[in-house]
Structure formats: structure tokens, C-alpha cells
Protein backbone atom coordinates (compact mmCIF):
# COMPACT_ATOMS: atom_id res chain seq x y z
CA MET A 1 38.27 12.77 -15.08
CA GLN A 2 39.07 10.96 -18.29
CA LEU A 3 37.20 7.70 -17.64
CA PHE A 4 34.20 9.47 -16.12
CA ASN A 5 33.81 11.79 -19.10
CA LYS A 6 34.00 8.87 -21.52
CA TRP A 7 31.52 6.86 -19.37
CA GLU A 8 29.06 9.74 -19.39
CA GLN A 9 29.36 10.25 -23.14
CA VAL A 10 28.95 6.61 -24.20
CA TRP A 11 26.13 5.95 -21.71
CA ASP A 12 24.20 9.06 -22.74
CA ASN A 13 24.62 8.04 -26.40
CA LYS A 14 23.52 4.47 -25.56
CA ASP A 15 26.69 3.15 -27.23
CA ALA A 16 26.93 -0.33 -25.71
CA ARG A 17 29.96 -1.35 -27.81
CA ALA A 18 31.97 1.71 -26.69
CA PHE A 19 30.94 1.09 -23.07
CA LEU A 20 32.18 -2.51 -23.24
CA ASP A 21 35.43 -1.29 -24.78
CA MET A 22 36.03 0.64 -21.55
CA HIS A 23 36.23 -2.64 -19.59
CA HIS A 24 39.49 -4.48 -18.93
CA ALA A 25 39.55 -8.12 -20.08
CA GLU A 26 39.71 -9.13 -16.37
CA PHE A 27 36.75 -6.88 -15.41
CA GLU A 28 34.47 -8.03 -12.58
CA PHE A 29 31.29 -6.36 -11.33
CA HIS A 30 30.44 -7.28 -7.75
CA PHE A 31 26.70 -6.89 -7.14
CA HIS A 32 25.78 -5.40 -3.76
CA SER A 33 22.32 -6.93 -3.82
CA ASN A 34 23.14 -10.62 -4.11
CA GLY A 35 26.92 -11.05 -4.02
CA ARG A 36 26.98 -12.23 -7.64
CA ILE A 37 30.04 -11.49 -9.78
CA LEU A 38 29.63 -10.61 -13.45
CA LYS A 39 32.79 -10.93 -15.55
CA ARG A 40 33.62 -9.16 -18.80
CA VAL A 41 33.49 -12.45 -20.72
CA ASP A 42 29.86 -12.82 -19.61
CA MET A 43 28.84 -9.42 -21.02
CA SER A 44 27.55 -8.84 -24.56
CA VAL A 45 26.66 -5.76 -26.55
CA ASP A 46 23.00 -6.84 -26.52
CA MET A 47 23.03 -7.28 -22.74
CA VAL A 48 24.53 -3.82 -22.13
CA ALA A 49 22.20 -2.23 -24.70
CA GLY A 50 19.26 -3.79 -22.86
CA VAL A 51 20.38 -2.32 -19.55
CA MET A 52 20.92 1.07 -21.18
CA SER A 53 17.40 1.04 -22.62
CA LYS A 54 15.76 0.14 -19.30
CA GLU A 55 17.40 2.75 -17.07
CA THR A 56 17.17 6.50 -16.88
CA ILE A 57 20.17 8.09 -15.18
CA LYS A 58 19.76 11.45 -13.48
CA ASN A 59 22.24 13.73 -11.77
CA ARG A 60 25.32 11.61 -12.54
CA ARG A 61 28.41 13.18 -11.04
CA CYS A 62 32.00 12.27 -10.47
CA ILE A 63 32.82 12.25 -6.76
CA TYR A 64 36.49 11.42 -7.30
CA GLU A 65 38.78 10.13 -10.02
CA ASN A 66 42.50 9.48 -10.31
CA ASP A 67 44.63 6.91 -12.16
CA LYS A 68 43.51 4.09 -9.85
CA ILE A 69 39.88 4.73 -8.92
CA LEU A 70 36.64 6.36 -10.07
CA VAL A 71 33.72 7.06 -7.74
CA ILE A 72 30.37 8.08 -9.24
CA HIS A 73 27.07 9.10 -7.62
CA GLN A 74 23.86 8.94 -9.64
CA PHE A 75 20.12 8.35 -9.45
CA ASN A 76 18.66 5.49 -11.50
CA GLU A 77 15.03 5.17 -12.55
CA PHE A 78 13.91 1.82 -13.95
CA VAL A 79 11.08 0.85 -16.31
CA SER A 80 9.38 -0.79 -13.31
CA GLY A 81 9.14 2.61 -11.61
CA ASP A 82 11.76 1.71 -9.01
CA LYS A 83 14.31 4.38 -8.16
CA GLU A 84 17.74 4.07 -6.56
CA ALA A 85 20.54 6.34 -5.48
CA LEU A 86 23.84 4.66 -6.37
CA ILE A 87 27.46 5.02 -5.43
CA ILE A 88 29.60 3.26 -8.03
CA THR A 89 33.23 2.48 -7.22
CA VAL A 90 35.48 1.48 -10.10
CA LEU A 91 39.06 0.32 -9.71
CA LYS A 92 41.13 0.90 -12.82
CA LYS A 93 43.77 -1.18 -14.55
CA ASP A 94 45.57 0.03 -17.66
CA GLY A 95 43.17 3.00 -17.81
CA LEU A 96 40.12 0.70 -18.06
CA MET A 97 37.42 -0.43 -15.65
CA TRP A 98 38.80 -3.46 -13.79
CA ARG A 99 36.70 -4.01 -10.64
CA MET A 100 33.34 -2.39 -9.93
CA GLU A 101 31.00 -2.37 -6.96
CA THR A 102 27.82 -0.47 -6.28
CA GLY A 103 26.00 0.55 -3.19
CA ALA A 104 22.35 1.46 -3.63
CA THR A 105 19.55 2.94 -1.60
CA GLU A 106 15.98 2.52 -2.83
CA ILE A 107 14.08 5.78 -3.12
CA LYS A 108 10.38 5.67 -2.31
């Protein structure tokens, strides 16, 4: 669980730079909600820090991790009061996050 442990540590410490350093240069995040693709070159420390400051993560746990994939389940609470249960799937390349997708269910 090497990547998961690092993810948990840098996210909990709100270390946006360290979180970005975990992303492969070819990283892509595929949004479940709108089909948009966010690439690593489009991400900045300020952008990630903003996301980190606006979300509260609860009950994060590693479902599965090996050299090729990481699957995380967590509950997100947003400043707006919205809550989601998320499954995050991360494909790895060279030990870094390479492709990521999420599946979310809104909690009412």
C-alpha cells in the first residue's frame, strides 16, 4: 500500500506540492460527472490546495493496491454541505498516479 499511504499522508497534511509530485507527467483524471479530462499539465499547486481546503475526507480506506492499480473508498464533505461516497480508481505508471477515475454517490 505504498501509494495509498503516501496519498493519505500528503492529503491529511494538505501538502499540495507533494500530492502533485505523486502524479505521472502523463496523468489524466477522467471526471464521472461530466466526462471532462483534467491533465497533469493543467494542475497547479494553488488549484490542488484549493480543493484540499474545500473538502473534508472521512473514512478513507484502501480497497486494493498492487503495482498497477489503487482503489480507494472515502466519504467527501464539501463546504456547500454536499456529501458524496466515492470510489477512486488509480492506474499506476512508474509508481505514480497515471490515470484516475471516480464514481460517486450523493448522500442526502
